[in-house]
Amino acid sequence: MAKPYEGGCLCGNIRFSAKGPAEFPHTCSCTMCQRHSGALTAAWVEFPRDAVTWTGPGGAPATWRSSPGSSRAFCPTCGSSIGAIDDAPVIALTLGAFDRRGARALRPRSHSNRSKQPKWWQVFIDE
């Protein structure tokens, strides 16, 4: 079995372990992702909900209901963005929260909501 992907927040209170194949690694420039991450583009990867275990001393992250189908996840101590917990059995984790961000399986393959990024901002994806 492959080694799980691990990561967490800035202060270490929220930690996770994600097993199995990384699904739909992508970037997104929608207004919601921009505000959640504080960046012009957020980078995400999805895992089935049952493949993600919250391993840090803080347990599961705090959440805020951001849309009818999803809640944004963050550390209640340091405020770091962790991802999105969807009503569907999916957890999308921000790539910046992973310990091994260079893992090939986590490399974004598509970009959503290009129309929401400033014209001077460029995101390069090998599609």
Protein backbone atom coordinates (compact mmCIF):
# COMPACT_ATOMS: atom_id res chain seq x y z
CA MET A 1 0.00 0.00 0.00
CA ALA A 2 1.24 3.49 -0.86
CA LYS A 3 2.40 5.83 1.86
CA PRO A 4 -0.40 8.20 2.93
CA TYR A 5 -0.22 11.88 2.16
CA GLU A 6 0.12 13.93 5.33
CA GLY A 7 -0.15 17.58 6.17
CA GLY A 8 -1.63 20.17 8.44
CA CYS A 9 -2.04 23.77 9.44
CA LEU A 10 0.56 26.38 10.30
CA CYS A 11 0.51 25.77 14.08
CA GLY A 12 0.20 21.95 13.91
CA ASN A 13 -3.12 21.81 15.77
CA ILE A 14 -4.94 20.33 12.77
CA ARG A 15 -3.15 17.46 11.01
CA PHE A 16 -4.42 14.97 8.46
CA SER A 17 -3.51 11.72 6.76
CA ALA A 18 -5.06 11.01 3.35
CA LYS A 19 -4.87 7.53 1.83
CA GLY A 20 -5.66 6.23 -1.60
CA PRO A 21 -5.53 7.89 -4.95
CA ALA A 22 -5.52 11.67 -5.08
CA GLU A 23 -8.48 12.70 -7.20
CA PHE A 24 -9.09 15.82 -9.30
CA PRO A 25 -5.97 17.83 -8.45
CA HIS A 26 -6.77 21.30 -9.76
CA THR A 27 -6.52 25.02 -9.25
CA CYS A 28 -9.43 27.42 -8.96
CA SER A 29 -9.74 31.19 -9.21
CA CYS A 30 -13.39 31.61 -8.17
CA THR A 31 -14.16 34.39 -5.71
CA MET A 32 -14.95 31.88 -2.94
CA CYS A 33 -11.58 30.13 -3.31
CA GLN A 34 -9.81 33.48 -3.43
CA ARG A 35 -11.40 34.64 -0.21
CA HIS A 36 -10.93 31.29 1.54
CA SER A 37 -7.23 31.07 0.68
CA GLY A 38 -6.28 34.74 0.54
CA ALA A 39 -4.66 34.01 -2.84
CA LEU A 40 -5.73 34.72 -6.41
CA THR A 41 -5.74 30.99 -7.10
CA ALA A 42 -6.25 28.08 -4.73
CA ALA A 43 -4.81 24.63 -5.39
CA TRP A 44 -6.81 21.58 -4.31
CA VAL A 45 -6.89 17.80 -4.42
CA GLU A 46 -9.83 15.59 -3.47
CA PHE A 47 -9.99 12.39 -1.45
CA PRO A 48 -12.98 10.27 -0.46
CA ARG A 49 -14.16 11.35 3.00
CA ASP A 50 -13.39 7.94 4.50
CA ALA A 51 -9.78 8.17 3.20
CA VAL A 52 -8.99 11.25 5.33
CA THR A 53 -8.16 10.94 9.02
CA TRP A 54 -7.71 13.95 11.30
CA THR A 55 -4.57 13.13 13.30
CA GLY A 56 -3.55 16.34 15.10
CA PRO A 57 -4.28 17.34 18.70
CA GLY A 58 -7.10 19.62 17.52
CA GLY A 59 -9.03 16.79 15.84
CA ALA A 60 -11.17 17.82 12.88
CA PRO A 61 -10.89 21.38 11.59
CA ALA A 62 -13.47 24.06 12.25
CA THR A 63 -15.86 24.62 9.35
CA TRP A 64 -17.93 27.42 7.91
CA ARG A 65 -20.84 26.71 5.58
CA SER A 66 -19.80 28.48 2.37
CA SER A 67 -22.36 27.18 -0.11
CA PRO A 68 -25.30 24.78 -0.31
CA GLY A 69 -23.01 21.79 -0.96
CA SER A 70 -19.82 22.56 0.93
CA SER A 71 -18.17 23.90 4.07
CA ARG A 72 -14.72 25.48 4.21
CA ALA A 73 -12.33 23.91 6.72
CA PHE A 74 -9.74 25.83 8.74
CA CYS A 75 -7.74 25.69 11.94
CA PRO A 76 -9.57 27.46 14.77
CA THR A 77 -6.23 28.31 16.42
CA CYS A 78 -4.07 29.79 13.63
CA GLY A 79 -6.72 30.28 10.92
CA SER A 80 -4.91 28.28 8.24
CA SER A 81 -7.08 27.13 5.34
CA ILE A 82 -7.21 23.33 5.25
CA GLY A 83 -9.75 22.65 2.53
CA ALA A 84 -13.42 22.07 1.87
CA ILE A 85 -15.62 19.35 3.26
CA ASP A 86 -18.37 18.66 0.76
CA ASP A 87 -21.79 17.18 1.44
CA ALA A 88 -20.86 14.54 -1.13
CA PRO A 89 -18.45 12.07 0.42
CA VAL A 90 -15.45 14.18 -0.63
CA ILE A 91 -12.86 16.26 1.20
CA ALA A 92 -10.85 18.69 -0.91
CA LEU A 93 -7.56 19.56 0.76
CA THR A 94 -5.47 22.61 -0.12
CA LEU A 95 -2.15 21.62 -1.68
CA GLY A 96 -0.25 24.09 0.47
CA ALA A 97 -1.25 22.15 3.59
CA PHE A 98 0.55 18.97 2.50
CA ASP A 99 3.98 18.08 3.87
CA ARG A 100 5.06 16.67 0.47
CA ARG A 101 3.67 19.24 -1.96
CA GLY A 102 5.87 17.99 -4.78
CA ALA A 103 4.23 14.57 -5.00
CA ARG A 104 3.40 13.90 -8.67
CA ALA A 105 -0.14 12.72 -7.88
CA LEU A 106 -0.91 16.11 -6.30
CA ARG A 107 0.11 18.13 -9.35
CA PRO A 108 -2.87 20.17 -10.64
CA ARG A 109 -4.11 19.09 -14.06
CA SER A 110 -6.82 21.69 -14.67
CA HIS A 111 -7.81 25.23 -13.72
CA SER A 112 -11.36 26.30 -12.87
CA ASN A 113 -12.89 29.76 -13.13
CA ARG A 114 -10.15 31.39 -15.21
CA SER A 115 -12.52 34.28 -15.88
CA LYS A 116 -12.34 35.30 -12.20
CA GLN A 117 -8.57 35.74 -12.13
CA PRO A 118 -7.09 39.18 -12.90
CA LYS A 119 -5.95 39.48 -16.51
CA TRP A 120 -2.33 39.97 -15.38
CA TRP A 121 -2.38 36.74 -13.27
CA GLN A 122 -1.21 33.60 -15.05
CA VAL A 123 -1.67 30.01 -13.92
CA PHE A 124 0.25 27.41 -15.92
CA ILE A 125 -1.14 23.89 -16.01
CA ASP A 126 0.30 21.13 -18.17
CA GLU A 127 -3.05 19.92 -19.45
